Amino acid sequence: MNMKNFADNELRIVVTDSGLGGLSVMAELEKELRRRNHFGNIRLIFFNSLAASDFGYNSIITKEKKAEVFNSSLNSIENLFNPHLILIACNTLSVVYEDTDFKKRTYTEVLGIIDLGIELIEEKLHSNKSSNILLLGTPTTINSNSYKNRLIKHGISESKIINQSCPLLESEIQINPKSNKVKLMINNFLKEALSQSEYLSDKVITSLCCTHYGYSEEIIRKSAEEIFNKEIEIVNPNTKMVEETLQRLKLITKDFSNITSEVFSQVLLKDEEIKSLSEIIYQDSPQVSQALQNYLFEKNLFDFTRV
C-alpha cells in the first residue's frame, strides 16, 4: 500500500459509491478493523459520489459524461482528504472509473469491486463447474458486460451466464430494502432472467453486482429459489472487498488507538433512507450507523455540469 503521509499516524480510507450501498462495505470494514485492534489511528470516510438526486450515473447517456462527473468527485476526494486508499464500493462506478482521467494520473491506491466479484464467482465455480451464473446489476454495469466478458475470457461458457439489468432497483432499495415495491421489482427482474436463460443446471450462482443489493439479499435469495426452482448460492462482492482491504493493511502493525467514521454527501438524504439503512448497518457497526444519521451535507463537494 502507498503509505504517503502516514507519518502523521493517521490512515485515511475513503469509501465511495453513487448512492449509499457502499456504506455496508464501510460498516463491515469498521467492524473488522475494530476486532483486530492493531492498525493505529484510522479515519474512515464515506463519500457519496452522486452529483444530484435527479442526475444519477445510470441516467447519464454517454460514458464520457459519466467519467467526467466521477472524475470531479475523485479529484475532490483526493484534495479534501488526501487518502491512502480509495475503495470504489460500487459496480457502476468501478465501470466508469476505467474511463476517468483520474485513473491515468493518480498516485493514490484505488480498489474497485468488479475484479473482486469475478474472483468470488470463480471460487464458487470450483465446487460446481456446471453452475449457471446470474449477474444482477444496474444498467451501466450490465450493459458494459464487464462481468460477462471477463468471465468468458477466463474460460466460462457464455451459455451459462445470465446478464440481468435491474433499472432503478438500487434507488428503491435505498429508500426501503424490504418494501413491497422492492419485492415486486426483484420478482419481475428474476422472471426476466429466467426467460432469457438457455439452460439451467441444478445450481444458480447469483452475483449481486450492485452494493445496494446486499440490503435485500434474503429477498433476492427467496425469490430466486421460488422462480428458478434450483439451488441458489448468493455471491456478494462487498465482503470480498473488506477482505482484500484487510490483506493490504497487513504490513501496518501500529498499536491500536482510534477509529472514526464520517459520511459526506452533496445530495440531501431522505429521512426514510437514513432510518432504514442505519438500522441495517447498526448490526455490523453502530459507529457507521451513527455517522449516517449525522451525515455532513455540503452542497458543493464537487463540481459538475449536466451538459
C-alpha atoms as a PDB file:
ATOM      1  CA  MET A   1       0.000   0.000   0.000  1.00  0.00           C
ATOM      2  CA  ASN A   2       1.144   3.540  -0.741  1.00  0.00           C
ATOM      3  CA  MET A   3       1.821   4.847   2.742  1.00  0.00           C
ATOM      4  CA  LYS A   4       2.110   8.536   1.815  1.00  0.00           C
ATOM      5  CA  ASN A   5       1.830  10.873   4.776  1.00  0.00           C
ATOM      6  CA  PHE A   6       1.419   8.035   7.276  1.00  0.00           C
ATOM      7  CA  ALA A   7       3.982   9.848   9.402  1.00  0.00           C
ATOM      8  CA  ASP A   8       1.045  11.781  10.868  1.00  0.00           C
ATOM      9  CA  ASN A   9      -0.085   8.460  12.402  1.00  0.00           C
ATOM     10  CA  GLU A  10      -3.464   8.530  10.678  1.00  0.00           C
ATOM     11  CA  LEU A  11      -4.577   6.115   7.983  1.00  0.00           C
ATOM     12  CA  ARG A  12      -7.322   7.569   5.776  1.00  0.00           C
ATOM     13  CA  ILE A  13      -9.590   5.267   3.782  1.00  0.00           C
ATOM     14  CA  VAL A  14     -12.337   6.722   1.588  1.00  0.00           C
ATOM     15  CA  VAL A  15     -15.245   4.514   0.538  1.00  0.00           C
ATOM     16  CA  THR A  16     -17.245   5.924  -2.365  1.00  0.00           C
ATOM     17  CA  ASP A  17     -20.455   4.929  -4.127  1.00  0.00           C
ATOM     18  CA  SER A  18     -23.076   6.507  -6.391  1.00  0.00           C
ATOM     19  CA  GLY A  19     -25.519   6.161  -3.504  1.00  0.00           C
ATOM     20  CA  LEU A  20     -25.486   4.526  -0.078  1.00  0.00           C
ATOM     21  CA  GLY A  21     -24.892   0.862  -0.924  1.00  0.00           C
ATOM     22  CA  GLY A  22     -21.194   1.163  -0.154  1.00  0.00           C
ATOM     23  CA  LEU A  23     -21.973   2.038   3.455  1.00  0.00           C
ATOM     24  CA  SER A  24     -22.413  -1.693   4.038  1.00  0.00           C
ATOM     25  CA  VAL A  25     -18.777  -2.162   2.980  1.00  0.00           C
ATOM     26  CA  MET A  26     -17.620   0.584   5.324  1.00  0.00           C
ATOM     27  CA  ALA A  27     -19.663  -0.854   8.208  1.00  0.00           C
ATOM     28  CA  GLU A  28     -18.171  -4.321   7.792  1.00  0.00           C
ATOM     29  CA  LEU A  29     -14.686  -2.841   7.411  1.00  0.00           C
ATOM     30  CA  GLU A  30     -15.055  -0.801  10.607  1.00  0.00           C
ATOM     31  CA  LYS A  31     -16.229  -3.907  12.468  1.00  0.00           C
ATOM     32  CA  GLU A  32     -13.258  -5.981  11.288  1.00  0.00           C
ATOM     33  CA  LEU A  33     -10.703  -3.239  11.967  1.00  0.00           C
ATOM     34  CA  ARG A  34     -12.027  -2.769  15.495  1.00  0.00           C
ATOM     35  CA  ARG A  35     -11.925  -6.521  16.083  1.00  0.00           C
ATOM     36  CA  ARG A  36      -8.261  -6.694  15.073  1.00  0.00           C
ATOM     37  CA  ASN A  37      -7.182  -3.696  17.158  1.00  0.00           C
ATOM     38  CA  HIS A  38      -3.715  -3.107  15.697  1.00  0.00           C
ATOM     39  CA  PHE A  39      -3.838  -0.615  12.860  1.00  0.00           C
ATOM     40  CA  GLY A  40      -3.294   2.717  14.649  1.00  0.00           C
ATOM     41  CA  ASN A  41      -5.486   5.786  14.065  1.00  0.00           C
ATOM     42  CA  ILE A  42      -7.893   5.168  11.200  1.00  0.00           C
ATOM     43  CA  ARG A  43     -10.228   7.691   9.625  1.00  0.00           C
ATOM     44  CA  LEU A  44     -12.982   6.041   7.582  1.00  0.00           C
ATOM     45  CA  ILE A  45     -14.758   8.409   5.213  1.00  0.00           C
ATOM     46  CA  PHE A  46     -17.813   7.631   3.110  1.00  0.00           C
ATOM     47  CA  PHE A  47     -18.137   9.977   0.132  1.00  0.00           C
ATOM     48  CA  ASN A  48     -21.374   9.935  -1.846  1.00  0.00           C
ATOM     49  CA  SER A  49     -20.342  10.478  -5.488  1.00  0.00           C
ATOM     50  CA  LEU A  50     -23.916  11.142  -6.603  1.00  0.00           C
ATOM     51  CA  ALA A  51     -23.883  14.644  -8.096  1.00  0.00           C
ATOM     52  CA  ALA A  52     -27.609  15.399  -7.715  1.00  0.00           C
ATOM     53  CA  SER A  53     -30.726  13.461  -6.769  1.00  0.00           C
ATOM     54  CA  ASP A  54     -32.078  13.769 -10.331  1.00  0.00           C
ATOM     55  CA  PHE A  55     -28.737  13.149 -12.058  1.00  0.00           C
ATOM     56  CA  GLY A  56     -27.715   9.567 -11.341  1.00  0.00           C
ATOM     57  CA  TYR A  57     -24.982   7.834 -13.321  1.00  0.00           C
ATOM     58  CA  ASN A  58     -27.419   5.358 -14.856  1.00  0.00           C
ATOM     59  CA  SER A  59     -29.461   8.253 -16.257  1.00  0.00           C
ATOM     60  CA  ILE A  60     -26.434   9.862 -17.945  1.00  0.00           C
ATOM     61  CA  ILE A  61     -26.416   8.894 -21.621  1.00  0.00           C
ATOM     62  CA  THR A  62     -22.730   8.886 -22.586  1.00  0.00           C
ATOM     63  CA  LYS A  63     -19.863   7.114 -20.866  1.00  0.00           C
ATOM     64  CA  GLU A  64     -17.737  10.248 -21.384  1.00  0.00           C
ATOM     65  CA  LYS A  65     -20.132  12.322 -19.282  1.00  0.00           C
ATOM     66  CA  LYS A  66     -20.288   9.654 -16.590  1.00  0.00           C
ATOM     67  CA  ALA A  67     -16.492   9.654 -16.444  1.00  0.00           C
ATOM     68  CA  GLU A  68     -16.370  13.451 -16.271  1.00  0.00           C
ATOM     69  CA  VAL A  69     -18.727  13.583 -13.270  1.00  0.00           C
ATOM     70  CA  PHE A  70     -16.980  10.782 -11.375  1.00  0.00           C
ATOM     71  CA  ASN A  71     -13.588  12.289 -12.207  1.00  0.00           C
ATOM     72  CA  SER A  72     -14.667  15.506 -10.491  1.00  0.00           C
ATOM     73  CA  SER A  73     -15.766  13.543  -7.429  1.00  0.00           C
ATOM     74  CA  LEU A  74     -12.444  11.672  -7.263  1.00  0.00           C
ATOM     75  CA  ASN A  75     -10.476  14.902  -7.559  1.00  0.00           C
ATOM     76  CA  SER A  76     -12.411  16.323  -4.611  1.00  0.00           C
ATOM     77  CA  ILE A  77     -11.840  13.163  -2.579  1.00  0.00           C
ATOM     78  CA  GLU A  78      -8.103  13.449  -3.149  1.00  0.00           C
ATOM     79  CA  ASN A  79      -7.968  17.194  -2.470  1.00  0.00           C
ATOM     80  CA  LEU A  80     -10.183  17.130   0.625  1.00  0.00           C
ATOM     81  CA  PHE A  81      -8.889  14.016   2.364  1.00  0.00           C
ATOM     82  CA  ASN A  82      -5.540  13.013   0.810  1.00  0.00           C
ATOM     83  CA  PRO A  83      -6.470   9.340   1.318  1.00  0.00           C
ATOM     84  CA  HIS A  84      -4.096   6.397   1.420  1.00  0.00           C
ATOM     85  CA  LEU A  85      -6.732   4.170  -0.165  1.00  0.00           C
ATOM     86  CA  ILE A  86      -9.950   4.754  -2.122  1.00  0.00           C
ATOM     87  CA  LEU A  87     -12.470   1.909  -2.214  1.00  0.00           C
ATOM     88  CA  ILE A  88     -14.928   2.156  -5.106  1.00  0.00           C
ATOM     89  CA  ALA A  89     -17.697   0.221  -3.374  1.00  0.00           C
ATOM     90  CA  CYS A  90     -19.952   0.469  -6.404  1.00  0.00           C
ATOM     91  CA  ASN A  91     -20.060  -1.678  -9.517  1.00  0.00           C
ATOM     92  CA  THR A  92     -21.393   1.169 -11.665  1.00  0.00           C
ATOM     93  CA  LEU A  93     -18.551   3.490 -10.637  1.00  0.00           C
ATOM     94  CA  SER A  94     -15.980   0.705 -10.975  1.00  0.00           C
ATOM     95  CA  VAL A  95     -17.031   0.523 -14.642  1.00  0.00           C
ATOM     96  CA  VAL A  96     -16.950   4.314 -15.037  1.00  0.00           C
ATOM     97  CA  TYR A  97     -13.547   4.619 -13.293  1.00  0.00           C
ATOM     98  CA  GLU A  98     -11.796   2.945 -16.225  1.00  0.00           C
ATOM     99  CA  ASP A  99     -12.587   5.990 -18.409  1.00  0.00           C
ATOM    100  CA  THR A 100     -11.550   8.723 -15.945  1.00  0.00           C
ATOM    101  CA  ASP A 101      -8.521  10.985 -16.239  1.00  0.00           C
ATOM    102  CA  PHE A 102      -8.028  10.420 -12.502  1.00  0.00           C
ATOM    103  CA  LYS A 103      -7.071   6.802 -13.134  1.00  0.00           C
ATOM    104  CA  LYS A 104      -4.340   7.866 -15.563  1.00  0.00           C
ATOM    105  CA  ARG A 105      -2.601  10.326 -13.265  1.00  0.00           C
ATOM    106  CA  THR A 106      -3.296   9.489  -9.599  1.00  0.00           C
ATOM    107  CA  TYR A 107      -0.732   8.053  -7.190  1.00  0.00           C
ATOM    108  CA  THR A 108      -3.455   7.183  -4.692  1.00  0.00           C
ATOM    109  CA  GLU A 109      -4.203   3.480  -4.409  1.00  0.00           C
ATOM    110  CA  VAL A 110      -7.682   2.697  -5.752  1.00  0.00           C
ATOM    111  CA  LEU A 111      -9.531  -0.596  -5.355  1.00  0.00           C
ATOM    112  CA  GLY A 112     -12.605  -1.334  -7.490  1.00  0.00           C
ATOM    113  CA  ILE A 113     -15.144  -4.039  -6.776  1.00  0.00           C
ATOM    114  CA  ILE A 114     -15.633  -5.800 -10.124  1.00  0.00           C
ATOM    115  CA  ASP A 115     -12.383  -7.795 -10.147  1.00  0.00           C
ATOM    116  CA  LEU A 116     -13.187  -8.940  -6.611  1.00  0.00           C
ATOM    117  CA  GLY A 117     -16.634 -10.044  -7.738  1.00  0.00           C
ATOM    118  CA  ILE A 118     -15.110 -12.060 -10.587  1.00  0.00           C
ATOM    119  CA  GLU A 119     -12.697 -13.771  -8.165  1.00  0.00           C
ATOM    120  CA  LEU A 120     -15.559 -14.671  -5.854  1.00  0.00           C
ATOM    121  CA  ILE A 121     -17.679 -16.138  -8.663  1.00  0.00           C
ATOM    122  CA  GLU A 122     -14.744 -18.243  -9.851  1.00  0.00           C
ATOM    123  CA  GLU A 123     -14.131 -19.505  -6.314  1.00  0.00           C
ATOM    124  CA  LYS A 124     -17.748 -20.689  -6.142  1.00  0.00           C
ATOM    125  CA  LEU A 125     -17.469 -22.361  -9.555  1.00  0.00           C
ATOM    126  CA  HIS A 126     -14.622 -24.582  -8.340  1.00  0.00           C
ATOM    127  CA  SER A 127     -17.054 -26.699  -6.327  1.00  0.00           C
ATOM    128  CA  ASN A 128     -19.656 -26.921  -9.112  1.00  0.00           C
ATOM    129  CA  LYS A 129     -18.344 -26.147 -12.586  1.00  0.00           C
ATOM    130  CA  SER A 130     -21.710 -26.750 -14.277  1.00  0.00           C
ATOM    131  CA  SER A 131     -23.492 -23.994 -12.322  1.00  0.00           C
ATOM    132  CA  ASN A 132     -25.253 -21.149 -14.075  1.00  0.00           C
ATOM    133  CA  ILE A 133     -24.160 -17.621 -13.227  1.00  0.00           C
ATOM    134  CA  LEU A 134     -26.837 -14.960 -12.775  1.00  0.00           C
ATOM    135  CA  LEU A 135     -25.475 -11.405 -12.837  1.00  0.00           C
ATOM    136  CA  LEU A 136     -27.818  -8.823 -11.294  1.00  0.00           C
ATOM    137  CA  GLY A 137     -26.815  -5.169 -11.618  1.00  0.00           C
ATOM    138  CA  THR A 138     -27.606  -1.651 -12.760  1.00  0.00           C
ATOM    139  CA  PRO A 139     -27.954  -0.840 -16.483  1.00  0.00           C
ATOM    140  CA  THR A 140     -24.458   0.712 -16.544  1.00  0.00           C
ATOM    141  CA  THR A 141     -22.854  -2.381 -15.020  1.00  0.00           C
ATOM    142  CA  ILE A 142     -24.782  -4.974 -17.021  1.00  0.00           C
ATOM    143  CA  ASN A 143     -24.709  -3.148 -20.375  1.00  0.00           C
ATOM    144  CA  SER A 144     -20.938  -2.684 -20.085  1.00  0.00           C
ATOM    145  CA  ASN A 145     -20.626  -6.502 -19.987  1.00  0.00           C
ATOM    146  CA  SER A 146     -17.727  -6.033 -17.552  1.00  0.00           C
ATOM    147  CA  TYR A 147     -18.556  -9.180 -15.596  1.00  0.00           C
ATOM    148  CA  LYS A 148     -19.722 -11.251 -18.559  1.00  0.00           C
ATOM    149  CA  ASN A 149     -16.717 -10.532 -20.785  1.00  0.00           C
ATOM    150  CA  ARG A 150     -14.192 -11.209 -18.027  1.00  0.00           C
ATOM    151  CA  LEU A 151     -15.860 -14.480 -17.113  1.00  0.00           C
ATOM    152  CA  ILE A 152     -15.842 -15.560 -20.772  1.00  0.00           C
ATOM    153  CA  LYS A 153     -12.184 -14.526 -21.024  1.00  0.00           C
ATOM    154  CA  HIS A 154     -11.487 -16.812 -18.055  1.00  0.00           C
ATOM    155  CA  GLY A 155     -12.946 -19.760 -19.948  1.00  0.00           C
ATOM    156  CA  ILE A 156     -16.548 -19.776 -18.724  1.00  0.00           C
ATOM    157  CA  SER A 157     -19.123 -20.621 -21.390  1.00  0.00           C
ATOM    158  CA  GLU A 158     -21.347 -17.720 -22.405  1.00  0.00           C
ATOM    159  CA  SER A 159     -24.346 -20.065 -22.391  1.00  0.00           C
ATOM    160  CA  LYS A 160     -24.012 -20.425 -18.600  1.00  0.00           C
ATOM    161  CA  ILE A 161     -24.190 -16.662 -17.976  1.00  0.00           C
ATOM    162  CA  ILE A 162     -27.444 -14.755 -17.476  1.00  0.00           C
ATOM    163  CA  ASN A 163     -26.956 -10.976 -17.652  1.00  0.00           C
ATOM    164  CA  GLN A 164     -29.897  -9.190 -15.972  1.00  0.00           C
ATOM    165  CA  SER A 165     -30.215  -5.416 -15.764  1.00  0.00           C
ATOM    166  CA  CYS A 166     -32.358  -4.119 -12.871  1.00  0.00           C
ATOM    167  CA  PRO A 167     -33.201  -0.453 -13.623  1.00  0.00           C
ATOM    168  CA  LEU A 168     -33.895   1.705 -10.542  1.00  0.00           C
ATOM    169  CA  LEU A 169     -33.796  -1.242  -8.131  1.00  0.00           C
ATOM    170  CA  GLU A 170     -30.897   0.302  -6.216  1.00  0.00           C
ATOM    171  CA  SER A 171     -32.892   3.527  -5.722  1.00  0.00           C
ATOM    172  CA  GLU A 172     -35.887   1.691  -4.277  1.00  0.00           C
ATOM    173  CA  ILE A 173     -33.670  -0.454  -2.064  1.00  0.00           C
ATOM    174  CA  GLN A 174     -32.058   2.709  -0.699  1.00  0.00           C
ATOM    175  CA  ILE A 175     -35.493   4.017   0.331  1.00  0.00           C
ATOM    176  CA  ASN A 176     -36.611   0.741   1.935  1.00  0.00           C
ATOM    177  CA  PRO A 177     -34.863  -2.570   1.161  1.00  0.00           C
ATOM    178  CA  LYS A 178     -37.817  -4.619   2.440  1.00  0.00           C
ATOM    179  CA  SER A 179     -40.685  -2.741   0.804  1.00  0.00           C
ATOM    180  CA  ASN A 180     -43.364  -4.455  -1.272  1.00  0.00           C
ATOM    181  CA  LYS A 181     -42.206  -2.438  -4.276  1.00  0.00           C
ATOM    182  CA  VAL A 182     -38.674  -3.822  -3.914  1.00  0.00           C
ATOM    183  CA  LYS A 183     -40.052  -7.370  -3.631  1.00  0.00           C
ATOM    184  CA  LEU A 184     -42.175  -6.895  -6.761  1.00  0.00           C
ATOM    185  CA  MET A 185     -39.279  -5.434  -8.755  1.00  0.00           C
ATOM    186  CA  ILE A 186     -36.972  -8.284  -7.729  1.00  0.00           C
ATOM    187  CA  ASN A 187     -39.607 -10.838  -8.738  1.00  0.00           C
ATOM    188  CA  ASN A 188     -40.084  -9.220 -12.141  1.00  0.00           C
ATOM    189  CA  PHE A 189     -36.350  -8.973 -12.859  1.00  0.00           C
ATOM    190  CA  LEU A 190     -35.795 -12.601 -11.866  1.00  0.00           C
ATOM    191  CA  LYS A 191     -38.641 -13.717 -14.142  1.00  0.00           C
ATOM    192  CA  GLU A 192     -36.983 -11.796 -16.988  1.00  0.00           C
ATOM    193  CA  ALA A 193     -33.710 -13.530 -16.179  1.00  0.00           C
ATOM    194  CA  LEU A 194     -35.365 -16.947 -16.260  1.00  0.00           C
ATOM    195  CA  SER A 195     -36.948 -16.232 -19.647  1.00  0.00           C
ATOM    196  CA  GLN A 196     -33.573 -15.460 -21.243  1.00  0.00           C
ATOM    197  CA  SER A 197     -31.712 -18.490 -19.858  1.00  0.00           C
ATOM    198  CA  GLU A 198     -30.699 -21.069 -22.486  1.00  0.00           C
ATOM    199  CA  TYR A 199     -30.447 -23.910 -19.992  1.00  0.00           C
ATOM    200  CA  LEU A 200     -30.328 -24.334 -16.229  1.00  0.00           C
ATOM    201  CA  SER A 201     -28.143 -26.624 -14.162  1.00  0.00           C
ATOM    202  CA  ASP A 202     -29.021 -27.726 -10.639  1.00  0.00           C
ATOM    203  CA  LYS A 203     -27.378 -24.637  -9.148  1.00  0.00           C
ATOM    204  CA  VAL A 204     -27.518 -20.916  -9.959  1.00  0.00           C
ATOM    205  CA  ILE A 205     -24.708 -18.742  -8.590  1.00  0.00           C
ATOM    206  CA  THR A 206     -26.386 -15.361  -8.176  1.00  0.00           C
ATOM    207  CA  SER A 207     -23.987 -12.431  -8.077  1.00  0.00           C
ATOM    208  CA  LEU A 208     -25.127  -9.160  -6.505  1.00  0.00           C
ATOM    209  CA  CYS A 209     -23.347  -6.799  -8.905  1.00  0.00           C
ATOM    210  CA  CYS A 210     -24.531  -3.704  -7.038  1.00  0.00           C
ATOM    211  CA  THR A 211     -23.550  -2.928  -3.453  1.00  0.00           C
ATOM    212  CA  HIS A 212     -27.140  -1.883  -2.651  1.00  0.00           C
ATOM    213  CA  TYR A 213     -28.483  -5.361  -3.346  1.00  0.00           C
ATOM    214  CA  GLY A 214     -26.916  -6.808  -0.210  1.00  0.00           C
ATOM    215  CA  TYR A 215     -29.513  -4.922   1.844  1.00  0.00           C
ATOM    216  CA  SER A 216     -32.177  -7.092   0.148  1.00  0.00           C
ATOM    217  CA  GLU A 217     -30.120 -10.281  -0.079  1.00  0.00           C
ATOM    218  CA  GLU A 218     -32.613 -12.578   1.637  1.00  0.00           C
ATOM    219  CA  ILE A 219     -35.484 -11.316  -0.530  1.00  0.00           C
ATOM    220  CA  ILE A 220     -33.407 -11.983  -3.649  1.00  0.00           C
ATOM    221  CA  ARG A 221     -32.474 -15.444  -2.399  1.00  0.00           C
ATOM    222  CA  LYS A 222     -36.045 -16.438  -1.560  1.00  0.00           C
ATOM    223  CA  SER A 223     -37.465 -15.078  -4.833  1.00  0.00           C
ATOM    224  CA  ALA A 224     -34.747 -16.757  -6.907  1.00  0.00           C
ATOM    225  CA  GLU A 225     -35.388 -20.120  -5.223  1.00  0.00           C
ATOM    226  CA  GLU A 226     -39.107 -19.864  -5.977  1.00  0.00           C
ATOM    227  CA  ILE A 227     -38.740 -18.648  -9.572  1.00  0.00           C
ATOM    228  CA  PHE A 228     -35.812 -20.802 -10.708  1.00  0.00           C
ATOM    229  CA  ASN A 229     -36.725 -23.830  -8.566  1.00  0.00           C
ATOM    230  CA  LYS A 230     -32.989 -24.538  -8.230  1.00  0.00           C
ATOM    231  CA  GLU A 231     -30.331 -24.306  -5.545  1.00  0.00           C
ATOM    232  CA  ILE A 232     -29.335 -20.636  -5.240  1.00  0.00           C
ATOM    233  CA  GLU A 233     -25.935 -19.510  -3.990  1.00  0.00           C
ATOM    234  CA  ILE A 234     -25.618 -15.774  -3.417  1.00  0.00           C
ATOM    235  CA  VAL A 235     -22.314 -14.073  -4.201  1.00  0.00           C
ATOM    236  CA  ASN A 236     -21.840 -10.676  -2.541  1.00  0.00           C
ATOM    237  CA  PRO A 237     -18.561  -8.930  -3.508  1.00  0.00           C
ATOM    238  CA  ASN A 238     -18.923  -6.478  -0.597  1.00  0.00           C
ATOM    239  CA  THR A 239     -17.350  -8.935   1.840  1.00  0.00           C
ATOM    240  CA  LYS A 240     -14.558  -9.720  -0.619  1.00  0.00           C
ATOM    241  CA  MET A 241     -13.704  -6.010  -0.776  1.00  0.00           C
ATOM    242  CA  VAL A 242     -13.354  -5.889   3.008  1.00  0.00           C
ATOM    243  CA  GLU A 243     -11.141  -8.994   2.988  1.00  0.00           C
ATOM    244  CA  GLU A 244      -8.902  -7.526   0.275  1.00  0.00           C
ATOM    245  CA  THR A 245      -8.577  -4.244   2.173  1.00  0.00           C
ATOM    246  CA  LEU A 246      -7.536  -6.075   5.343  1.00  0.00           C
ATOM    247  CA  GLN A 247      -4.940  -8.016   3.347  1.00  0.00           C
ATOM    248  CA  ARG A 248      -3.442  -4.763   2.088  1.00  0.00           C
ATOM    249  CA  LEU A 249      -3.265  -3.410   5.629  1.00  0.00           C
ATOM    250  CA  LYS A 250      -1.350  -6.408   6.990  1.00  0.00           C
ATOM    251  CA  LEU A 251       2.000  -4.614   6.855  1.00  0.00           C
ATOM    252  CA  ILE A 252       0.755  -1.980   9.282  1.00  0.00           C
ATOM    253  CA  THR A 253       1.462  -3.043  12.870  1.00  0.00           C
ATOM    254  CA  LYS A 254       0.932   0.138  14.869  1.00  0.00           C
ATOM    255  CA  ASP A 255      -0.758  -0.121  18.241  1.00  0.00           C
ATOM    256  CA  PHE A 256      -4.496   0.351  18.213  1.00  0.00           C
ATOM    257  CA  SER A 257      -5.652   3.840  19.040  1.00  0.00           C
ATOM    258  CA  ASN A 258      -8.842   5.062  17.427  1.00  0.00           C
ATOM    259  CA  ILE A 259     -11.244   4.566  14.520  1.00  0.00           C
ATOM    260  CA  THR A 260     -13.539   7.346  13.354  1.00  0.00           C
ATOM    261  CA  SER A 261     -16.284   7.241  10.714  1.00  0.00           C
ATOM    262  CA  GLU A 262     -17.797  10.087   8.699  1.00  0.00           C
ATOM    263  CA  VAL A 263     -20.338  10.343   5.876  1.00  0.00           C
ATOM    264  CA  PHE A 264     -20.291  13.164   3.296  1.00  0.00           C
ATOM    265  CA  SER A 265     -22.925  13.914   0.650  1.00  0.00           C
ATOM    266  CA  GLN A 266     -23.793  16.868  -1.571  1.00  0.00           C
ATOM    267  CA  VAL A 267     -27.217  15.294  -2.098  1.00  0.00           C
ATOM    268  CA  LEU A 268     -29.759  15.732   0.672  1.00  0.00           C
ATOM    269  CA  LEU A 269     -30.599  12.274   2.010  1.00  0.00           C
ATOM    270  CA  LYS A 270     -34.198  11.320   2.726  1.00  0.00           C
ATOM    271  CA  ASP A 271     -35.198  10.604   6.314  1.00  0.00           C
ATOM    272  CA  GLU A 272     -36.640   7.216   5.332  1.00  0.00           C
ATOM    273  CA  GLU A 273     -33.358   6.248   3.642  1.00  0.00           C
ATOM    274  CA  ILE A 274     -31.365   7.169   6.713  1.00  0.00           C
ATOM    275  CA  LYS A 275     -33.735   5.338   9.059  1.00  0.00           C
ATOM    276  CA  SER A 276     -33.975   2.072   7.109  1.00  0.00           C
ATOM    277  CA  LEU A 277     -30.284   1.784   6.220  1.00  0.00           C
ATOM    278  CA  SER A 278     -28.928   2.913   9.590  1.00  0.00           C
ATOM    279  CA  GLU A 279     -30.939   0.149  11.280  1.00  0.00           C
ATOM    280  CA  ILE A 280     -29.419  -2.484   8.973  1.00  0.00           C
ATOM    281  CA  ILE A 281     -25.878  -1.093   9.221  1.00  0.00           C
ATOM    282  CA  TYR A 282     -26.112  -0.971  13.029  1.00  0.00           C
ATOM    283  CA  GLN A 283     -25.880  -4.774  13.142  1.00  0.00           C
ATOM    284  CA  ASP A 284     -22.286  -4.573  11.864  1.00  0.00           C
ATOM    285  CA  SER A 285     -21.221  -1.140  13.035  1.00  0.00           C
ATOM    286  CA  PRO A 286     -23.062   1.150  15.457  1.00  0.00           C
ATOM    287  CA  GLN A 287     -20.406   3.759  14.679  1.00  0.00           C
ATOM    288  CA  VAL A 288     -21.077   3.846  10.918  1.00  0.00           C
ATOM    289  CA  SER A 289     -24.816   3.760  11.605  1.00  0.00           C
ATOM    290  CA  GLN A 290     -24.416   6.862  13.773  1.00  0.00           C
ATOM    291  CA  ALA A 291     -22.240   8.525  11.117  1.00  0.00           C
ATOM    292  CA  LEU A 292     -25.034   8.070   8.569  1.00  0.00           C
ATOM    293  CA  GLN A 293     -27.569   9.603  10.938  1.00  0.00           C
ATOM    294  CA  ASN A 294     -25.213  12.560  11.495  1.00  0.00           C
ATOM    295  CA  TYR A 295     -24.019  12.806   7.879  1.00  0.00           C
ATOM    296  CA  LEU A 296     -22.383  16.004   6.652  1.00  0.00           C
ATOM    297  CA  PHE A 297     -24.402  17.701   3.911  1.00  0.00           C
ATOM    298  CA  GLU A 298     -22.269  20.016   1.757  1.00  0.00           C
ATOM    299  CA  LYS A 299     -23.804  21.419  -1.432  1.00  0.00           C
ATOM    300  CA  ASN A 300     -20.539  21.868  -3.324  1.00  0.00           C
ATOM    301  CA  LEU A 301     -18.376  18.874  -2.509  1.00  0.00           C
ATOM    302  CA  PHE A 302     -17.569  18.514  -6.210  1.00  0.00           C
ATOM    303  CA  ASP A 303     -18.424  20.380  -9.405  1.00  0.00           C
ATOM    304  CA  PHE A 304     -20.445  19.014 -12.305  1.00  0.00           C
ATOM    305  CA  THR A 305     -22.420  20.177 -15.319  1.00  0.00           C
ATOM    306  CA  ARG A 306     -25.467  18.493 -16.809  1.00  0.00           C
ATOM    307  CA  VAL A 307     -24.459  19.062 -20.448  1.00  0.00           C
END
